Amino acid sequence: MDKLAKRAPPWAALLLVVACIGATGAHARDAEKSPPQNAVQGETASSEKRLLEVYQLMAQGEPRRALDLAEKLVNDLPHFQLAQLVYGDLLAARTRTLKSMGDVPPVSGNAGAAALAELRDESQRRVMALKERPPQGTVPSQFLKLSAQTRTAIAIDAGRSRLYLFTNTPAGLQLTADYYVSVGKAGTIKSQEGDQRTPLGVYYITSNLDTKVLNDFYGAGAMPLNYPNILDIKRGKSGGGIWLHGTPPQQFARAPRSTDGCLVLSNPDILALIRRVSVGATPVVVSSQLVWQAPTQLQAQARPFESALNAWRQAKEAGDLNKVLGFYTPDFASYGKSLEQYTPQIRSELKQTKGHTIELKDLSYLQWSDSAETMVTTFGEVVQGRRTGIHKRQYWVRTAKDWQIFFEGVI
């Protein structure tokens, strides 16, 4: 018994390699490249941190301490299935050598093979997310420019089952916390109602639903996204009801790919997001794989678009209708209006401008690149001499004529 108790399960050694690099910053070079520990874990991610501490103790050959921590974790969170699995392994390891995570007798293993595979996948994704940290000083490539009024931003790496929360500071975007997140059963790239896929793109949180009217299925809270967005609609995508939400009371977390398209977090994590985000103002980028870049790189990438946006503004200041119309695509649409039907609105705005300077206040633009390069722009269009103006959102696409607008509307 004592001899076996000194041995960690074989699979724990692999976890040590991962967990030690990501969670403890054992090597100086890794510590220099990683964000501060509080940013890595997030203030509500203690359950994940506790689980990884159990992994580390197991791999370090301290199964008794690991068992104590695991027992406390499952007592505190009896519905945390992954923690229960690890706890069970630790108990079993006291009497026999384990060959894999969830090493159960064949009959039980066959009956629960799918559930075991999901828990192993969840475990790997949680640990790898802490091993492979975003390079220090980088941000997701979609965040070209965020207004100072945009206090927070969210980026989701669907392939890694990870949600990253950023705070917008005078020094730029700062990674505040990151959380495990579940996506659609069929993966990503949603295109139609009921396909059980999570959409990819640039979205915004539209509301924070009252928990009094929510079914327990959605857990501690839910925040709908504006899927389908303008680009989705242009591409003929259908469906709706894509939310960020929590889990039922009896379930701590869901498998990495287990939703009908929503993005699902544990209840402590969804509550942390709800406390920080701003309805209508917090952008949510959902990508199959985030690309992290230095802000200086993004500034260089943004210059061609900034030139096009400034040229559009200058054409409006000059009151040149034909030149302004040249910035809109032939298939432009604004809430059901074609470019021809929308032209009176442009003409009216030019008349009100009367050659005055136009300021684009609280300007933000986020890029999205797949089969086409698009830009989602939000700003207040304020004419010189006035205190307020029209709050607009535009969608631009890079065409053979450079950048052009395929949607413009008041929000």
Protein backbone atom coordinates (compact mmCIF):
# COMPACT_ATOMS: atom_id res chain seq x y z
CA MET A 1 0.00 0.00 0.00
CA ASP A 2 2.68 2.52 1.03
CA LYS A 3 4.89 1.61 -1.91
CA LEU A 4 2.06 2.13 -4.37
CA ALA A 5 1.02 5.34 -2.68
CA LYS A 6 4.35 6.92 -3.56
CA ARG A 7 3.74 6.43 -7.26
CA ALA A 8 1.75 8.88 -9.32
CA PRO A 9 -0.46 7.62 -12.17
CA PRO A 10 1.66 7.45 -15.37
CA TRP A 11 -0.46 10.01 -17.18
CA ALA A 12 0.25 12.58 -14.45
CA ALA A 13 3.88 12.86 -15.53
CA LEU A 14 2.75 14.22 -18.86
CA LEU A 15 0.48 16.68 -17.09
CA LEU A 16 3.41 17.87 -15.01
CA VAL A 17 5.33 18.89 -18.11
CA VAL A 18 2.36 20.93 -19.22
CA ALA A 19 1.11 22.27 -15.92
CA CYS A 20 4.47 23.27 -14.52
CA ILE A 21 5.35 25.34 -17.57
CA GLY A 22 1.98 27.02 -17.80
CA ALA A 23 0.89 27.36 -14.21
CA THR A 24 4.10 27.85 -12.25
CA GLY A 25 6.41 29.59 -14.71
CA ALA A 26 9.27 27.28 -13.71
CA HIS A 27 11.63 28.54 -16.38
CA ALA A 28 12.73 32.16 -16.37
CA ARG A 29 12.25 32.53 -20.12
CA ASP A 30 8.64 31.36 -19.82
CA ALA A 31 8.00 33.71 -16.94
CA GLU A 32 9.28 36.62 -18.99
CA LYS A 33 6.91 35.78 -21.85
CA SER A 34 3.81 35.17 -19.75
CA PRO A 35 1.34 37.68 -18.26
CA PRO A 36 1.21 38.07 -14.47
CA GLN A 37 -0.29 35.10 -12.65
CA ASN A 38 -3.43 37.00 -11.66
CA ALA A 39 -4.09 37.70 -15.33
CA VAL A 40 -3.48 34.05 -16.22
CA GLN A 41 -5.91 32.62 -13.72
CA GLY A 42 -8.55 35.31 -13.34
CA GLU A 43 -10.18 36.12 -10.05
CA THR A 44 -12.92 33.48 -10.36
CA ALA A 45 -10.87 30.65 -11.86
CA SER A 46 -9.84 29.19 -8.48
CA SER A 47 -11.50 25.84 -9.25
CA GLU A 48 -9.29 25.36 -12.31
CA LYS A 49 -6.23 26.50 -10.39
CA ARG A 50 -6.98 24.03 -7.60
CA LEU A 51 -7.38 21.19 -10.10
CA LEU A 52 -4.02 21.98 -11.69
CA GLU A 53 -2.39 22.02 -8.26
CA VAL A 54 -3.66 18.47 -7.80
CA TYR A 55 -2.10 17.50 -11.14
CA GLN A 56 1.22 18.98 -10.11
CA LEU A 57 1.31 17.14 -6.79
CA MET A 58 0.45 13.87 -8.51
CA ALA A 59 3.27 14.29 -11.01
CA GLN A 60 5.72 15.30 -8.28
CA GLY A 61 5.12 11.99 -6.53
CA GLU A 62 3.00 13.39 -3.68
CA PRO A 63 -0.25 11.47 -4.10
CA ARG A 64 -1.29 11.83 -0.46
CA ARG A 65 -1.25 15.63 -0.64
CA ALA A 66 -2.88 15.47 -4.04
CA LEU A 67 -5.62 13.26 -2.64
CA ASP A 68 -6.26 15.70 0.21
CA LEU A 69 -6.59 18.63 -2.19
CA ALA A 70 -8.75 16.65 -4.59
CA GLU A 71 -11.05 15.56 -1.77
CA LYS A 72 -11.49 19.18 -0.65
CA LEU A 73 -12.18 20.23 -4.24
CA VAL A 74 -14.89 17.65 -4.85
CA ASN A 75 -16.42 18.37 -1.45
CA ASP A 76 -16.64 22.05 -2.38
CA LEU A 77 -17.73 21.34 -5.96
CA PRO A 78 -19.37 17.89 -6.07
CA HIS A 79 -20.70 18.65 -9.58
CA PHE A 80 -17.20 19.27 -11.01
CA GLN A 81 -17.01 16.02 -12.99
CA LEU A 82 -13.38 16.34 -14.05
CA ALA A 83 -12.31 16.85 -10.44
CA GLN A 84 -14.35 13.78 -9.45
CA LEU A 85 -12.57 11.73 -12.10
CA VAL A 86 -9.13 12.78 -10.85
CA TYR A 87 -10.19 12.11 -7.27
CA GLY A 88 -11.32 8.63 -8.27
CA ASP A 89 -8.00 7.99 -9.98
CA LEU A 90 -6.13 9.01 -6.84
CA LEU A 91 -8.17 6.62 -4.74
CA ALA A 92 -7.64 3.79 -7.23
CA ALA A 93 -3.89 4.52 -7.44
CA ARG A 94 -3.52 3.53 -3.78
CA THR A 95 -4.16 -0.09 -4.68
CA ARG A 96 -3.09 -0.48 -8.31
CA THR A 97 -1.11 1.15 -11.09
CA LEU A 98 -3.21 3.28 -13.46
CA LYS A 99 -2.53 3.36 -17.18
CA SER A 100 -4.62 6.36 -18.17
CA MET A 101 -6.89 9.06 -16.83
CA GLY A 102 -10.16 7.46 -15.80
CA ASP A 103 -8.62 3.97 -15.74
CA VAL A 104 -11.74 2.05 -14.76
CA PRO A 105 -12.69 -1.63 -15.19
CA PRO A 106 -13.55 -2.57 -18.81
CA VAL A 107 -17.29 -2.98 -18.21
CA SER A 108 -17.63 0.46 -16.62
CA GLY A 109 -15.18 1.98 -19.10
CA ASN A 110 -17.10 0.74 -22.13
CA ALA A 111 -20.38 2.00 -20.71
CA GLY A 112 -18.98 5.46 -20.10
CA ALA A 113 -16.44 5.66 -22.93
CA ALA A 114 -17.94 8.79 -24.47
CA ALA A 115 -18.10 10.64 -21.16
CA LEU A 116 -14.53 9.63 -20.30
CA ALA A 117 -13.28 10.84 -23.68
CA GLU A 118 -14.96 14.20 -23.13
CA LEU A 119 -13.45 14.60 -19.66
CA ARG A 120 -9.99 13.72 -20.96
CA ASP A 121 -10.43 16.28 -23.73
CA GLU A 122 -11.56 18.91 -21.21
CA SER A 123 -8.57 18.18 -19.01
CA GLN A 124 -6.11 18.50 -21.88
CA ARG A 125 -7.60 21.79 -23.06
CA ARG A 126 -7.55 23.34 -19.60
CA VAL A 127 -3.92 22.42 -19.07
CA MET A 128 -2.75 23.36 -22.56
CA ALA A 129 -4.39 26.77 -22.24
CA LEU A 130 -2.08 27.49 -19.33
CA LYS A 131 0.97 26.06 -21.05
CA GLU A 132 0.58 27.95 -24.30
CA ARG A 133 0.07 31.50 -23.08
CA PRO A 134 -0.39 34.45 -25.42
CA PRO A 135 2.98 36.18 -25.96
CA GLN A 136 3.39 39.12 -23.61
CA GLY A 137 2.36 42.46 -25.09
CA THR A 138 0.20 40.95 -27.84
CA VAL A 139 -3.54 41.10 -28.55
CA PRO A 140 -5.85 39.22 -30.93
CA SER A 141 -5.38 40.47 -34.50
CA GLN A 142 -9.05 41.54 -34.80
CA PHE A 143 -8.65 44.37 -32.26
CA LEU A 144 -7.20 47.10 -34.48
CA LYS A 145 -8.66 50.04 -32.55
CA LEU A 146 -11.00 50.30 -29.58
CA SER A 147 -12.48 53.53 -28.31
CA ALA A 148 -11.58 54.56 -24.78
CA GLN A 149 -15.32 54.25 -24.08
CA THR A 150 -15.09 50.51 -24.77
CA ARG A 151 -14.09 49.31 -21.33
CA THR A 152 -13.82 45.59 -22.04
CA ALA A 153 -13.40 43.21 -24.96
CA ILE A 154 -13.72 39.45 -25.33
CA ALA A 155 -11.88 37.10 -27.68
CA ILE A 156 -12.74 33.40 -27.91
CA ASP A 157 -10.41 30.77 -29.31
CA ALA A 158 -12.93 28.06 -30.15
CA GLY A 159 -10.24 25.56 -31.11
CA ARG A 160 -8.72 25.79 -27.62
CA SER A 161 -12.01 26.16 -25.72
CA ARG A 162 -10.75 29.40 -24.19
CA LEU A 163 -12.32 32.80 -23.61
CA TYR A 164 -10.02 35.78 -23.01
CA LEU A 165 -11.27 38.90 -21.22
CA PHE A 166 -9.48 42.20 -21.81
CA THR A 167 -9.65 45.53 -20.04
CA ASN A 168 -9.14 48.60 -22.22
CA THR A 169 -6.63 50.87 -20.46
CA PRO A 170 -4.77 54.06 -21.51
CA ALA A 171 -1.81 51.77 -22.23
CA GLY A 172 -3.91 49.53 -24.47
CA LEU A 173 -5.71 46.22 -24.06
CA GLN A 174 -4.64 44.22 -21.02
CA LEU A 175 -5.47 40.55 -20.55
CA THR A 176 -7.48 40.44 -17.33
CA ALA A 177 -8.63 36.83 -17.12
CA ASP A 178 -9.31 33.77 -19.23
CA TYR A 179 -11.78 30.93 -18.85
CA TYR A 180 -12.59 27.48 -20.18
CA VAL A 181 -15.56 27.64 -22.58
CA SER A 182 -17.64 25.04 -24.43
CA VAL A 183 -18.75 25.42 -28.07
CA GLY A 184 -21.10 23.68 -30.50
CA LYS A 185 -21.41 19.90 -30.78
CA ALA A 186 -20.65 20.11 -34.51
CA GLY A 187 -17.87 22.65 -34.07
CA THR A 188 -17.88 26.14 -35.58
CA ILE A 189 -18.77 28.08 -38.77
CA LYS A 190 -22.51 28.24 -38.15
CA SER A 191 -24.57 28.68 -41.31
CA GLN A 192 -28.12 27.62 -40.57
CA GLU A 193 -30.69 27.10 -37.85
CA GLY A 194 -30.19 23.90 -35.88
CA ASP A 195 -26.76 22.96 -37.24
CA GLN A 196 -25.32 22.86 -33.67
CA ARG A 197 -22.38 25.02 -34.68
CA THR A 198 -20.95 28.11 -33.03
CA PRO A 199 -20.66 31.15 -35.33
CA LEU A 200 -17.33 32.80 -36.09
CA GLY A 201 -17.04 36.56 -36.44
CA VAL A 202 -17.22 39.90 -34.68
CA TYR A 203 -20.25 40.24 -32.43
CA TYR A 204 -21.59 42.42 -29.64
CA ILE A 205 -23.39 41.59 -26.40
CA THR A 206 -26.94 42.82 -26.87
CA SER A 207 -28.42 42.30 -23.41
CA ASN A 208 -28.03 40.76 -19.97
CA LEU A 209 -31.05 38.54 -19.42
CA ASP A 210 -32.89 38.63 -16.11
CA THR A 211 -32.15 35.40 -14.25
CA LYS A 212 -35.72 35.43 -12.91
CA VAL A 213 -37.03 34.52 -16.35
CA LEU A 214 -34.22 32.15 -17.30
CA ASN A 215 -34.56 28.40 -17.26
CA ASP A 216 -32.10 26.60 -14.94
CA PHE A 217 -30.47 25.20 -18.08
CA TYR A 218 -28.77 28.58 -18.63
CA GLY A 219 -27.29 28.69 -15.15
CA ALA A 220 -26.32 31.87 -13.34
CA GLY A 221 -26.77 34.20 -16.30
CA ALA A 222 -27.00 34.68 -20.05
CA MET A 223 -25.90 37.37 -22.48
CA PRO A 224 -27.14 37.09 -26.09
CA LEU A 225 -24.88 37.99 -29.03
CA ASN A 226 -26.04 39.76 -32.18
CA TYR A 227 -25.84 36.67 -34.37
CA PRO A 228 -26.58 36.81 -37.23
CA ASN A 229 -24.64 40.03 -37.67
CA ILE A 230 -24.70 42.13 -40.84
CA LEU A 231 -22.02 40.04 -42.54
CA ASP A 232 -23.83 36.82 -41.61
CA ILE A 233 -27.07 38.12 -43.07
CA LYS A 234 -25.29 39.21 -46.25
CA ARG A 235 -23.98 35.66 -46.60
CA GLY A 236 -27.42 34.13 -46.11
CA LYS A 237 -26.78 32.59 -42.71
CA SER A 238 -29.78 31.77 -40.53
CA GLY A 239 -30.58 30.85 -36.95
CA GLY A 240 -30.26 32.84 -33.77
CA GLY A 241 -30.24 32.54 -30.00
CA ILE A 242 -26.45 32.41 -29.67
CA TRP A 243 -25.73 33.27 -26.06
CA LEU A 244 -22.90 33.37 -23.58
CA HIS A 245 -24.39 31.53 -20.62
CA GLY A 246 -23.77 29.34 -17.60
CA THR A 247 -24.55 25.74 -16.70
CA PRO A 248 -27.40 24.02 -14.82
CA PRO A 249 -26.98 23.85 -11.02
CA GLN A 250 -26.03 20.15 -11.12
CA GLN A 251 -23.29 20.65 -13.72
CA PHE A 252 -20.06 22.58 -13.17
CA ALA A 253 -18.80 22.58 -16.77
CA ARG A 254 -19.72 21.09 -20.11
CA ALA A 255 -17.58 19.12 -22.56
CA PRO A 256 -15.50 21.18 -25.02
CA ARG A 257 -17.95 20.51 -27.86
CA SER A 258 -21.36 20.01 -26.33
CA THR A 259 -23.68 22.96 -27.02
CA ASP A 260 -26.24 23.73 -29.69
CA GLY A 261 -24.10 26.68 -30.77
CA CYS A 262 -23.93 28.78 -27.63
CA LEU A 263 -20.75 29.57 -25.69
CA VAL A 264 -21.04 28.04 -22.24
CA LEU A 265 -18.95 28.80 -19.14
CA SER A 266 -19.11 27.67 -15.54
CA ASN A 267 -21.45 29.74 -13.40
CA PRO A 268 -18.67 31.55 -11.47
CA ASP A 269 -17.09 32.53 -14.78
CA ILE A 270 -20.27 33.80 -16.45
CA LEU A 271 -20.96 35.89 -13.33
CA ALA A 272 -17.47 37.37 -13.57
CA LEU A 273 -18.15 38.38 -17.18
CA ILE A 274 -21.56 39.84 -16.39
CA ARG A 275 -20.00 42.08 -13.72
CA ARG A 276 -17.46 43.50 -16.18
CA VAL A 277 -18.94 43.78 -19.65
CA SER A 278 -21.08 46.56 -21.07
CA VAL A 279 -24.23 45.67 -22.97
CA GLY A 280 -24.08 46.96 -26.54
CA ALA A 281 -20.47 48.09 -26.22
CA THR A 282 -18.39 44.98 -25.49
CA PRO A 283 -17.17 43.32 -28.69
CA VAL A 284 -16.93 39.53 -28.75
CA VAL A 285 -14.60 38.03 -31.34
CA VAL A 286 -15.13 34.31 -31.94
CA SER A 287 -12.35 32.66 -33.94
CA SER A 288 -11.40 29.08 -34.72
CA GLN A 289 -7.84 30.07 -33.75
CA LEU A 290 -6.75 33.45 -32.44
CA VAL A 291 -3.70 35.10 -33.95
CA TRP A 292 -1.80 37.22 -31.42
CA GLN A 293 0.08 40.29 -32.66
CA ALA A 294 1.89 43.28 -31.21
CA PRO A 295 -0.10 46.56 -31.29
CA THR A 296 2.56 48.13 -33.52
CA GLN A 297 1.96 45.43 -36.12
CA LEU A 298 -1.77 46.07 -36.00
CA GLN A 299 -1.29 49.81 -36.38
CA ALA A 300 0.65 49.22 -39.60
CA GLN A 301 -2.05 46.87 -40.89
CA ALA A 302 -4.74 49.43 -40.12
CA ARG A 303 -3.26 52.30 -42.15
CA PRO A 304 -4.87 51.44 -45.55
CA PHE A 305 -8.28 51.24 -43.92
CA GLU A 306 -7.73 54.44 -41.93
CA SER A 307 -6.89 56.21 -45.19
CA ALA A 308 -10.15 55.01 -46.75
CA LEU A 309 -12.19 56.01 -43.70
CA ASN A 310 -10.64 59.50 -43.66
CA ALA A 311 -11.23 59.90 -47.39
CA TRP A 312 -14.92 59.03 -46.87
CA ARG A 313 -15.15 61.59 -44.05
CA GLN A 314 -13.46 64.27 -46.16
CA ALA A 315 -15.82 63.61 -49.06
CA LYS A 316 -18.75 64.17 -46.70
CA GLU A 317 -17.19 67.37 -45.39
CA ALA A 318 -16.85 68.60 -48.97
CA GLY A 319 -20.51 67.80 -49.64
CA ASP A 320 -19.60 65.85 -52.80
CA LEU A 321 -22.49 63.37 -53.19
CA ASN A 322 -21.04 61.49 -56.16
CA LYS A 323 -17.69 61.07 -54.43
CA VAL A 324 -19.38 59.91 -51.24
CA LEU A 325 -21.50 57.39 -53.14
CA GLY A 326 -18.30 55.96 -54.61
CA PHE A 327 -17.45 54.60 -51.16
CA TYR A 328 -20.53 52.34 -51.12
CA THR A 329 -20.76 48.93 -52.78
CA PRO A 330 -23.41 48.33 -55.48
CA ASP A 331 -25.07 45.75 -53.20
CA PHE A 332 -25.09 48.11 -50.19
CA ALA A 333 -28.04 47.64 -47.82
CA SER A 334 -29.16 49.42 -44.67
CA TYR A 335 -31.95 47.71 -42.77
CA GLY A 336 -33.64 46.66 -45.98
CA LYS A 337 -32.87 49.80 -47.99
CA SER A 338 -30.80 49.57 -51.17
CA LEU A 339 -28.19 52.20 -51.98
CA GLU A 340 -30.69 54.01 -54.19
CA GLN A 341 -33.22 54.06 -51.35
CA TYR A 342 -30.57 55.12 -48.84
CA THR A 343 -29.18 57.95 -50.98
CA PRO A 344 -31.76 60.52 -49.72
CA GLN A 345 -30.43 59.89 -46.21
CA ILE A 346 -26.85 60.57 -47.37
CA ARG A 347 -28.02 63.68 -49.23
CA SER A 348 -29.78 64.94 -46.09
CA GLU A 349 -26.64 64.41 -43.99
CA LEU A 350 -24.53 66.30 -46.53
CA LYS A 351 -26.99 69.18 -46.42
CA GLN A 352 -26.73 69.36 -42.64
CA THR A 353 -22.93 69.23 -42.76
CA LYS A 354 -22.71 72.27 -45.05
CA GLY A 355 -18.96 71.99 -45.42
CA HIS A 356 -18.24 71.79 -41.71
CA THR A 357 -15.62 69.47 -40.22
CA ILE A 358 -16.85 66.05 -39.17
CA GLU A 359 -15.39 64.36 -36.11
CA LEU A 360 -15.63 60.59 -35.69
CA LYS A 361 -15.87 60.34 -31.92
CA ASP A 362 -15.31 57.18 -29.89
CA LEU A 363 -14.06 55.41 -32.98
CA SER A 364 -13.56 51.64 -32.94
CA TYR A 365 -12.83 49.24 -35.76
CA LEU A 366 -12.32 45.50 -35.70
CA GLN A 367 -11.17 43.43 -38.63
CA TRP A 368 -12.45 40.04 -39.71
CA SER A 369 -10.69 37.99 -42.37
CA ASP A 370 -11.88 34.74 -43.93
CA SER A 371 -12.88 34.51 -47.59
CA ALA A 372 -12.96 38.32 -47.59
CA GLU A 373 -11.43 41.13 -45.54
CA THR A 374 -14.06 43.09 -43.65
CA MET A 375 -14.05 45.83 -41.02
CA VAL A 376 -16.68 46.55 -38.37
CA THR A 377 -16.58 50.25 -37.49
CA THR A 378 -18.48 52.11 -34.77
CA PHE A 379 -18.39 55.86 -34.09
CA GLY A 380 -20.33 58.99 -33.29
CA GLU A 381 -20.53 61.27 -36.34
CA VAL A 382 -20.43 64.79 -34.90
CA VAL A 383 -20.53 67.91 -37.07
CA GLN A 384 -18.40 70.85 -35.96
CA GLY A 385 -20.34 73.18 -33.69
CA ARG A 386 -22.59 70.44 -32.33
CA ARG A 387 -22.20 68.53 -29.09
CA THR A 388 -23.80 65.28 -30.23
CA GLY A 389 -24.28 63.40 -33.45
CA ILE A 390 -25.42 60.17 -35.04
CA HIS A 391 -24.09 56.95 -33.52
CA LYS A 392 -23.29 54.73 -36.48
CA ARG A 393 -22.00 51.29 -37.30
CA GLN A 394 -20.50 50.51 -40.69
CA TYR A 395 -19.36 47.29 -42.33
CA TRP A 396 -16.60 47.71 -44.89
CA VAL A 397 -15.15 45.17 -47.32
CA ARG A 398 -11.88 45.28 -49.23
CA THR A 399 -12.71 45.25 -52.93
CA ALA A 400 -10.86 45.86 -56.17
CA LYS A 401 -11.59 49.55 -55.48
CA ASP A 402 -9.93 49.39 -52.07
CA TRP A 403 -12.26 49.61 -49.06
CA GLN A 404 -16.01 50.13 -49.55
CA ILE A 405 -19.08 50.21 -47.28
CA PHE A 406 -21.72 47.48 -47.66
CA PHE A 407 -23.74 48.48 -44.58
CA GLU A 408 -24.28 51.69 -42.64
CA GLY A 409 -26.87 52.24 -39.96
CA VAL A 410 -27.73 54.07 -36.77
CA ILE A 411 -27.37 52.08 -33.55
